[in-house]
């Protein structure tokens, strides 16, 4: 700008300064959060449901090609910044891997028990009925069992 446009420059720079001051209070949209945190949409949905990633509310948009409104969560920029600074996505991924391994182990044990029961239904029932606990008479005599 030329020196004669100093007043215009001052007005434009003041507008830019007010916009930049408000930028950190604007909500972060889901795609932006995914890009900032380098996470997938599946992770975002899971962590939002778990409460690890906190939403500050929802927004809805009516698109021309759709008959329904699209509703999505928005995030606080300070929370997203905190998650990024503390590298929480890496920690959350480790926790998810451990949970998945534990769930697979539990599922395999449950499946093995089901297979065993199906292969010998009479034997499994007989073993559970013939199981007797020793020492209950002493509890009964002392009046601990009612």
N, C-alpha and C. Protein backbone atom coordinates (compact mmCIF):
# COMPACT_ATOMS: atom_id res chain seq x y z
N UNK A 1 0.85 -1.17 0.00
CA UNK A 1 0.00 0.00 0.00
C UNK A 1 0.89 1.24 0.00
N UNK A 2 0.39 2.23 -0.61
CA UNK A 2 1.17 3.48 -0.65
C UNK A 2 0.98 4.24 0.66
N UNK A 3 1.81 5.24 0.87
CA UNK A 3 1.74 6.00 2.12
C UNK A 3 0.44 6.78 2.23
N UNK A 4 -0.20 7.07 1.15
CA UNK A 4 -1.47 7.80 1.17
C UNK A 4 -2.61 6.93 1.68
N UNK A 5 -2.43 5.64 1.69
CA UNK A 5 -3.47 4.71 2.14
C UNK A 5 -3.23 4.23 3.57
N UNK A 6 -2.58 5.03 4.36
CA UNK A 6 -2.25 4.65 5.74
C UNK A 6 -3.50 4.42 6.57
N UNK A 7 -4.53 5.25 6.37
CA UNK A 7 -5.77 5.07 7.12
C UNK A 7 -6.43 3.74 6.79
N UNK A 8 -6.47 3.40 5.50
CA UNK A 8 -7.04 2.12 5.08
C UNK A 8 -6.24 0.96 5.66
N UNK A 9 -4.93 1.08 5.66
CA UNK A 9 -4.07 0.04 6.21
C UNK A 9 -4.36 -0.17 7.70
N UNK A 10 -4.53 0.91 8.43
CA UNK A 10 -4.81 0.81 9.87
C UNK A 10 -6.15 0.13 10.12
N UNK A 11 -7.15 0.45 9.32
CA UNK A 11 -8.48 -0.15 9.48
C UNK A 11 -8.42 -1.65 9.16
N UNK A 12 -7.77 -2.01 8.07
CA UNK A 12 -7.66 -3.42 7.68
C UNK A 12 -6.85 -4.20 8.70
N UNK A 13 -5.77 -3.65 9.19
CA UNK A 13 -4.95 -4.36 10.18
C UNK A 13 -5.71 -4.53 11.49
N UNK A 14 -6.55 -3.58 11.86
CA UNK A 14 -7.36 -3.71 13.07
C UNK A 14 -8.37 -4.85 12.91
N UNK A 15 -8.99 -4.95 11.72
CA UNK A 15 -9.94 -6.04 11.46
C UNK A 15 -9.25 -7.39 11.53
N UNK A 16 -8.07 -7.48 10.93
CA UNK A 16 -7.31 -8.73 10.95
C UNK A 16 -6.94 -9.10 12.38
N UNK A 17 -6.56 -8.13 13.17
CA UNK A 17 -6.18 -8.39 14.55
C UNK A 17 -7.35 -8.90 15.37
N UNK A 18 -8.55 -8.36 15.17
CA UNK A 18 -9.72 -8.84 15.92
C UNK A 18 -10.09 -10.26 15.50
N UNK A 19 -9.95 -10.56 14.21
CA UNK A 19 -10.23 -11.92 13.74
C UNK A 19 -9.24 -12.91 14.34
N UNK A 20 -7.98 -12.55 14.38
CA UNK A 20 -6.95 -13.44 14.94
C UNK A 20 -7.13 -13.64 16.44
N UNK A 21 -7.65 -12.66 17.14
CA UNK A 21 -7.89 -12.82 18.57
C UNK A 21 -9.01 -13.82 18.84
N UNK A 22 -10.00 -13.88 17.94
CA UNK A 22 -11.14 -14.78 18.13
C UNK A 22 -10.88 -16.18 17.60
N UNK A 23 -9.85 -16.39 16.84
CA UNK A 23 -9.60 -17.69 16.21
C UNK A 23 -9.47 -18.81 17.24
N UNK A 24 -8.82 -18.55 18.35
CA UNK A 24 -8.61 -19.62 19.34
C UNK A 24 -9.88 -19.96 20.11
N UNK A 25 -10.96 -19.22 19.94
CA UNK A 25 -12.21 -19.55 20.61
C UNK A 25 -13.18 -20.26 19.67
N UNK A 26 -12.87 -20.33 18.39
CA UNK A 26 -13.74 -21.02 17.44
C UNK A 26 -13.66 -22.52 17.66
N UNK A 27 -14.78 -23.22 17.52
CA UNK A 27 -14.75 -24.68 17.71
C UNK A 27 -13.97 -25.37 16.61
N UNK A 28 -13.41 -26.52 16.96
CA UNK A 28 -12.66 -27.33 16.00
C UNK A 28 -13.62 -28.38 15.45
N UNK A 29 -13.73 -28.44 14.14
CA UNK A 29 -14.61 -29.40 13.49
C UNK A 29 -13.96 -30.78 13.46
N UNK A 30 -14.76 -31.85 13.30
CA UNK A 30 -14.22 -33.21 13.35
C UNK A 30 -13.05 -33.47 12.41
N UNK A 31 -13.15 -33.08 11.17
CA UNK A 31 -12.05 -33.31 10.22
C UNK A 31 -10.79 -32.55 10.63
N UNK A 32 -10.99 -31.35 11.14
CA UNK A 32 -9.84 -30.57 11.61
C UNK A 32 -9.17 -31.26 12.79
N UNK A 33 -9.99 -31.77 13.72
CA UNK A 33 -9.44 -32.49 14.88
C UNK A 33 -8.67 -33.72 14.43
N UNK A 34 -9.20 -34.44 13.44
CA UNK A 34 -8.50 -35.62 12.92
C UNK A 34 -7.16 -35.23 12.31
N UNK A 35 -7.16 -34.14 11.56
CA UNK A 35 -5.92 -33.69 10.93
C UNK A 35 -4.91 -33.21 11.97
N UNK A 36 -5.37 -32.45 12.94
CA UNK A 36 -4.47 -31.91 13.97
C UNK A 36 -3.86 -33.03 14.79
N UNK A 37 -4.69 -33.99 15.21
CA UNK A 37 -4.23 -35.07 16.09
C UNK A 37 -3.68 -36.26 15.33
N UNK A 38 -3.78 -36.27 14.01
CA UNK A 38 -3.36 -37.39 13.17
C UNK A 38 -4.03 -38.69 13.60
N UNK A 39 -5.36 -38.63 13.67
CA UNK A 39 -6.15 -39.80 14.05
C UNK A 39 -7.14 -40.11 12.94
N UNK A 40 -7.67 -41.33 12.98
CA UNK A 40 -8.68 -41.73 12.00
C UNK A 40 -10.07 -41.37 12.52
N UNK A 41 -11.04 -41.39 11.66
CA UNK A 41 -12.40 -41.08 12.10
C UNK A 41 -12.92 -42.16 13.04
N UNK A 42 -12.50 -43.41 12.83
CA UNK A 42 -12.89 -44.49 13.74
C UNK A 42 -12.38 -44.23 15.15
N UNK A 43 -11.12 -43.80 15.25
CA UNK A 43 -10.54 -43.48 16.56
C UNK A 43 -11.28 -42.30 17.19
N UNK A 44 -11.58 -41.29 16.37
CA UNK A 44 -12.30 -40.12 16.89
C UNK A 44 -13.65 -40.54 17.46
N UNK A 45 -14.39 -41.36 16.72
CA UNK A 45 -15.69 -41.82 17.20
C UNK A 45 -15.56 -42.64 18.48
N UNK A 46 -14.60 -43.55 18.52
CA UNK A 46 -14.41 -44.41 19.69
C UNK A 46 -14.02 -43.59 20.91
N UNK A 47 -13.07 -42.68 20.75
CA UNK A 47 -12.59 -41.89 21.88
C UNK A 47 -13.62 -40.87 22.33
N UNK A 48 -14.45 -40.42 21.42
CA UNK A 48 -15.55 -39.52 21.79
C UNK A 48 -16.57 -40.28 22.62
N UNK A 49 -16.88 -41.51 22.20
CA UNK A 49 -17.83 -42.35 22.93
C UNK A 49 -17.28 -42.72 24.31
N UNK A 50 -15.98 -43.02 24.39
CA UNK A 50 -15.34 -43.37 25.66
C UNK A 50 -15.22 -42.18 26.61
N UNK A 51 -15.28 -40.98 26.07
CA UNK A 51 -15.12 -39.78 26.90
C UNK A 51 -13.69 -39.29 26.96
N UNK A 52 -12.81 -39.92 26.23
CA UNK A 52 -11.42 -39.46 26.23
C UNK A 52 -11.29 -38.15 25.45
N UNK A 53 -11.98 -38.06 24.34
CA UNK A 53 -12.00 -36.85 23.53
C UNK A 53 -13.30 -36.13 23.87
N UNK A 54 -13.19 -34.92 24.39
CA UNK A 54 -14.35 -34.20 24.91
C UNK A 54 -14.96 -33.28 23.86
N UNK A 55 -16.27 -33.36 23.72
CA UNK A 55 -17.00 -32.51 22.80
C UNK A 55 -17.56 -31.31 23.56
N UNK A 56 -17.61 -30.16 22.90
CA UNK A 56 -18.22 -28.99 23.54
C UNK A 56 -19.64 -28.77 23.03
N UNK A 57 -20.11 -29.65 22.20
CA UNK A 57 -21.47 -29.54 21.68
C UNK A 57 -21.57 -30.11 20.28
N UNK A 58 -22.72 -29.88 19.69
CA UNK A 58 -22.94 -30.37 18.33
C UNK A 58 -23.36 -29.21 17.43
N UNK A 59 -23.14 -29.41 16.18
CA UNK A 59 -23.58 -28.47 15.15
C UNK A 59 -24.36 -29.29 14.13
N UNK A 60 -25.28 -28.64 13.47
CA UNK A 60 -26.02 -29.33 12.41
C UNK A 60 -26.00 -28.48 11.15
N UNK A 61 -25.94 -29.18 10.05
CA UNK A 61 -25.88 -28.53 8.74
C UNK A 61 -26.89 -29.20 7.83
N UNK A 62 -27.65 -28.41 7.13
CA UNK A 62 -28.59 -28.95 6.15
C UNK A 62 -27.96 -28.81 4.78
N UNK A 63 -27.64 -29.94 4.17
CA UNK A 63 -27.05 -29.94 2.84
C UNK A 63 -28.15 -29.99 1.79
N UNK A 64 -27.89 -29.42 0.64
CA UNK A 64 -28.89 -29.38 -0.43
C UNK A 64 -29.25 -30.77 -0.95
N UNK A 65 -28.27 -31.64 -1.03
CA UNK A 65 -28.50 -32.95 -1.63
C UNK A 65 -29.12 -33.94 -0.65
N UNK A 66 -29.13 -33.62 0.63
CA UNK A 66 -29.69 -34.53 1.62
C UNK A 66 -31.00 -33.98 2.16
N UNK A 67 -31.87 -34.90 2.57
CA UNK A 67 -33.14 -34.47 3.14
C UNK A 67 -33.02 -34.22 4.63
N UNK A 68 -32.06 -34.89 5.28
CA UNK A 68 -31.89 -34.73 6.72
C UNK A 68 -30.72 -33.82 7.02
N UNK A 69 -30.72 -33.30 8.23
CA UNK A 69 -29.60 -32.50 8.69
C UNK A 69 -28.46 -33.43 9.10
N UNK A 70 -27.24 -32.97 8.91
CA UNK A 70 -26.07 -33.71 9.36
C UNK A 70 -25.65 -33.10 10.69
N UNK A 71 -25.59 -33.94 11.72
CA UNK A 71 -25.22 -33.47 13.06
C UNK A 71 -23.85 -34.03 13.40
N UNK A 72 -22.97 -33.17 13.91
CA UNK A 72 -21.62 -33.61 14.25
C UNK A 72 -21.15 -32.87 15.50
N UNK A 73 -20.20 -33.49 16.20
CA UNK A 73 -19.63 -32.91 17.41
C UNK A 73 -18.52 -31.92 17.04
N UNK A 74 -18.38 -30.89 17.85
CA UNK A 74 -17.27 -29.94 17.70
C UNK A 74 -16.46 -29.97 18.99
N UNK A 75 -15.21 -29.55 18.90
CA UNK A 75 -14.28 -29.68 20.01
C UNK A 75 -13.69 -28.34 20.40
N UNK A 76 -13.33 -28.24 21.66
CA UNK A 76 -12.69 -27.04 22.18
C UNK A 76 -11.24 -27.01 21.69
N UNK A 77 -10.80 -25.90 21.11
CA UNK A 77 -9.43 -25.86 20.59
C UNK A 77 -8.38 -26.05 21.67
N UNK A 78 -8.66 -25.57 22.88
CA UNK A 78 -7.68 -25.75 23.97
C UNK A 78 -7.57 -27.22 24.37
N UNK A 79 -8.70 -27.95 24.35
CA UNK A 79 -8.66 -29.38 24.66
C UNK A 79 -7.88 -30.14 23.58
N UNK A 80 -8.12 -29.81 22.33
CA UNK A 80 -7.40 -30.46 21.22
C UNK A 80 -5.91 -30.18 21.34
N UNK A 81 -5.57 -28.94 21.68
CA UNK A 81 -4.17 -28.57 21.85
C UNK A 81 -3.54 -29.34 23.01
N UNK A 82 -4.28 -29.49 24.11
CA UNK A 82 -3.78 -30.23 25.27
C UNK A 82 -3.55 -31.70 24.92
N UNK A 83 -4.50 -32.30 24.20
CA UNK A 83 -4.36 -33.70 23.77
C UNK A 83 -3.14 -33.87 22.89
N UNK A 84 -2.92 -32.91 22.00
CA UNK A 84 -1.77 -32.97 21.10
C UNK A 84 -0.47 -32.78 21.87
N UNK A 85 -0.43 -31.82 22.79
CA UNK A 85 0.79 -31.54 23.55
C UNK A 85 1.20 -32.72 24.42
N UNK A 86 0.23 -33.40 25.00
CA UNK A 86 0.54 -34.53 25.89
C UNK A 86 0.68 -35.85 25.13
N UNK A 87 0.53 -35.81 23.80
CA UNK A 87 0.65 -36.99 22.94
C UNK A 87 -0.28 -38.11 23.40
N UNK A 88 -1.50 -37.74 23.75
CA UNK A 88 -2.47 -38.72 24.25
C UNK A 88 -2.93 -39.73 23.19
N UNK A 89 -3.02 -39.36 21.90
CA UNK A 89 -3.43 -40.40 20.93
C UNK A 89 -2.51 -41.62 20.94
N UNK A 90 -1.22 -41.44 21.12
CA UNK A 90 -0.30 -42.58 21.17
C UNK A 90 -0.59 -43.45 22.39
N UNK A 91 -0.85 -42.82 23.53
CA UNK A 91 -1.17 -43.58 24.75
C UNK A 91 -2.50 -44.30 24.59
N UNK A 92 -3.49 -43.61 24.03
CA UNK A 92 -4.80 -44.22 23.85
C UNK A 92 -4.74 -45.40 22.89
N UNK A 93 -3.89 -45.31 21.88
CA UNK A 93 -3.74 -46.44 20.95
C UNK A 93 -3.17 -47.66 21.67
N UNK A 94 -2.19 -47.43 22.56
CA UNK A 94 -1.61 -48.55 23.33
C UNK A 94 -2.67 -49.19 24.21
N UNK A 95 -3.49 -48.38 24.86
CA UNK A 95 -4.56 -48.91 25.71
C UNK A 95 -5.55 -49.71 24.87
N UNK A 96 -5.88 -49.21 23.68
CA UNK A 96 -6.81 -49.91 22.79
C UNK A 96 -6.26 -51.26 22.35
N UNK A 97 -4.95 -51.31 22.08
CA UNK A 97 -4.32 -52.58 21.69
C UNK A 97 -4.39 -53.59 22.84
N UNK A 98 -4.13 -53.13 24.06
CA UNK A 98 -4.20 -54.02 25.22
C UNK A 98 -5.62 -54.50 25.46
N UNK A 99 -6.60 -53.59 25.32
CA UNK A 99 -8.01 -53.97 25.48
C UNK A 99 -8.41 -55.01 24.44
N UNK A 100 -7.99 -54.81 23.21
CA UNK A 100 -8.34 -55.74 22.14
C UNK A 100 -7.73 -57.12 22.41
N UNK A 101 -6.50 -57.15 22.88
CA UNK A 101 -5.85 -58.44 23.20
C UNK A 101 -6.59 -59.14 24.33
N UNK A 102 -6.98 -58.38 25.35
CA UNK A 102 -7.72 -58.96 26.48
C UNK A 102 -9.08 -59.48 26.02
N UNK A 103 -9.76 -58.72 25.19
CA UNK A 103 -11.06 -59.16 24.67
C UNK A 103 -10.92 -60.42 23.81
N UNK A 104 -9.86 -60.49 23.01
CA UNK A 104 -9.64 -61.70 22.20
C UNK A 104 -9.37 -62.90 23.11
N UNK A 105 -8.57 -62.70 24.17
CA UNK A 105 -8.27 -63.79 25.09
C UNK A 105 -9.55 -64.28 25.78
N UNK A 106 -10.37 -63.34 26.26
CA UNK A 106 -11.62 -63.71 26.92
C UNK A 106 -12.57 -64.42 25.95
N UNK A 107 -12.64 -63.92 24.72
CA UNK A 107 -13.50 -64.55 23.72
C UNK A 107 -13.04 -65.94 23.37
N UNK A 108 -11.73 -66.14 23.28
CA UNK A 108 -11.20 -67.48 22.98
C UNK A 108 -11.50 -68.44 24.12
N UNK A 109 -11.38 -67.99 25.35
CA UNK A 109 -11.68 -68.85 26.50
C UNK A 109 -13.17 -69.21 26.52
N UNK A 110 -14.01 -68.23 26.23
CA UNK A 110 -15.45 -68.48 26.20
C UNK A 110 -15.80 -69.45 25.08
N UNK A 111 -15.17 -69.29 23.92
CA UNK A 111 -15.42 -70.19 22.80
C UNK A 111 -14.95 -71.61 23.11
N UNK A 112 -13.82 -71.73 23.78
CA UNK A 112 -13.32 -73.06 24.16
C UNK A 112 -14.27 -73.74 25.13
N UNK A 113 -14.80 -72.97 26.09
CA UNK A 113 -15.74 -73.55 27.04
C UNK A 113 -17.02 -73.99 26.34
N UNK A 114 -17.48 -73.19 25.41
CA UNK A 114 -18.68 -73.54 24.66
C UNK A 114 -18.45 -74.80 23.82
N UNK A 115 -17.29 -74.88 23.17
CA UNK A 115 -16.97 -76.07 22.37
C UNK A 115 -16.92 -77.32 23.27
N UNK A 116 -16.33 -77.18 24.43
CA UNK A 116 -16.22 -78.32 25.34
C UNK A 116 -17.60 -78.76 25.81
N UNK A 117 -18.45 -77.81 26.11
CA UNK A 117 -19.81 -78.12 26.57
C UNK A 117 -20.62 -78.79 25.46
N UNK A 118 -20.44 -78.34 24.22
CA UNK A 118 -21.17 -78.93 23.10
C UNK A 118 -20.69 -80.34 22.80
N UNK A 119 -19.39 -80.58 22.98
CA UNK A 119 -18.86 -81.90 22.67
C UNK A 119 -19.26 -82.94 23.71
N UNK A 120 -19.45 -82.53 24.96
CA UNK A 120 -19.81 -83.47 26.03
C UNK A 120 -20.82 -82.80 26.97
N UNK A 121 -22.06 -82.61 26.52
CA UNK A 121 -23.03 -81.89 27.35
C UNK A 121 -23.38 -82.63 28.64
N UNK A 122 -23.46 -83.97 28.61
CA UNK A 122 -23.80 -84.73 29.81
C UNK A 122 -22.66 -84.69 30.83
N UNK A 123 -21.44 -84.83 30.36
CA UNK A 123 -20.28 -84.83 31.25
C UNK A 123 -20.09 -83.49 31.93
N UNK A 124 -20.31 -82.40 31.21
CA UNK A 124 -20.14 -81.07 31.79
C UNK A 124 -21.18 -80.84 32.87
N UNK A 125 -22.43 -81.28 32.63
CA UNK A 125 -23.48 -81.09 33.62
C UNK A 125 -23.24 -81.99 34.83
N UNK A 126 -22.78 -83.23 34.59
CA UNK A 126 -22.54 -84.17 35.68
C UNK A 126 -21.41 -83.65 36.58
N UNK A 127 -20.35 -83.11 35.97
CA UNK A 127 -19.24 -82.58 36.76
C UNK A 127 -19.68 -81.41 37.63
N UNK A 128 -20.55 -80.56 37.13
CA UNK A 128 -20.97 -79.42 37.92
C UNK A 128 -21.90 -79.86 39.05
N UNK A 129 -22.69 -80.94 38.85
CA UNK A 129 -23.58 -81.42 39.89
C UNK A 129 -22.83 -82.20 40.96
N UNK A 130 -21.79 -82.90 40.59
CA UNK A 130 -21.07 -83.73 41.55
C UNK A 130 -20.07 -82.93 42.36
N UNK A 131 -19.92 -81.66 42.08
CA UNK A 131 -18.98 -80.82 42.79
C UNK A 131 -19.51 -80.54 44.19
N UNK A 132 -18.80 -80.97 45.21
CA UNK A 132 -19.22 -80.70 46.59
C UNK A 132 -18.13 -79.94 47.28
N UNK A 133 -18.54 -79.00 48.07
CA UNK A 133 -17.59 -78.19 48.83
C UNK A 133 -17.46 -78.76 50.23
N UNK A 134 -16.22 -78.92 50.64
CA UNK A 134 -15.99 -79.49 51.96
C UNK A 134 -15.90 -78.37 52.99
N UNK A 135 -16.33 -78.66 54.22
CA UNK A 135 -16.19 -77.70 55.29
C UNK A 135 -17.41 -76.84 55.53
N UNK A 136 -18.48 -77.04 54.77
CA UNK A 136 -19.68 -76.23 54.96
C UNK A 136 -20.41 -76.60 56.24
N UNK A 137 -20.21 -77.81 56.72
CA UNK A 137 -20.87 -78.23 57.96
C UNK A 137 -20.41 -77.39 59.13
N UNK A 138 -19.13 -77.07 59.17
CA UNK A 138 -18.59 -76.26 60.26
C UNK A 138 -19.22 -74.86 60.23
N UNK A 139 -19.39 -74.30 59.08
CA UNK A 139 -20.05 -72.99 58.97
C UNK A 139 -21.49 -73.07 59.46
N UNK A 140 -22.16 -74.17 59.06
CA UNK A 140 -23.56 -74.34 59.43
C UNK A 140 -23.71 -74.49 60.95
N UNK A 141 -22.82 -75.23 61.61
CA UNK A 141 -22.87 -75.44 63.05
C UNK A 141 -22.67 -74.13 63.81
N UNK A 142 -21.82 -73.26 63.29
CA UNK A 142 -21.56 -71.98 63.96
C UNK A 142 -22.67 -70.96 63.69
N UNK A 143 -23.60 -71.29 62.82
CA UNK A 143 -24.72 -70.39 62.53
C UNK A 143 -24.37 -69.32 61.52
N UNK A 144 -23.30 -69.51 60.78
CA UNK A 144 -22.93 -68.52 59.79
C UNK A 144 -23.76 -68.62 58.52
N UNK A 145 -24.32 -69.79 58.26
CA UNK A 145 -25.18 -69.98 57.09
C UNK A 145 -26.63 -69.92 57.55
N UNK A 146 -27.41 -69.10 56.95
CA UNK A 146 -28.82 -68.99 57.37
C UNK A 146 -29.73 -69.29 56.22
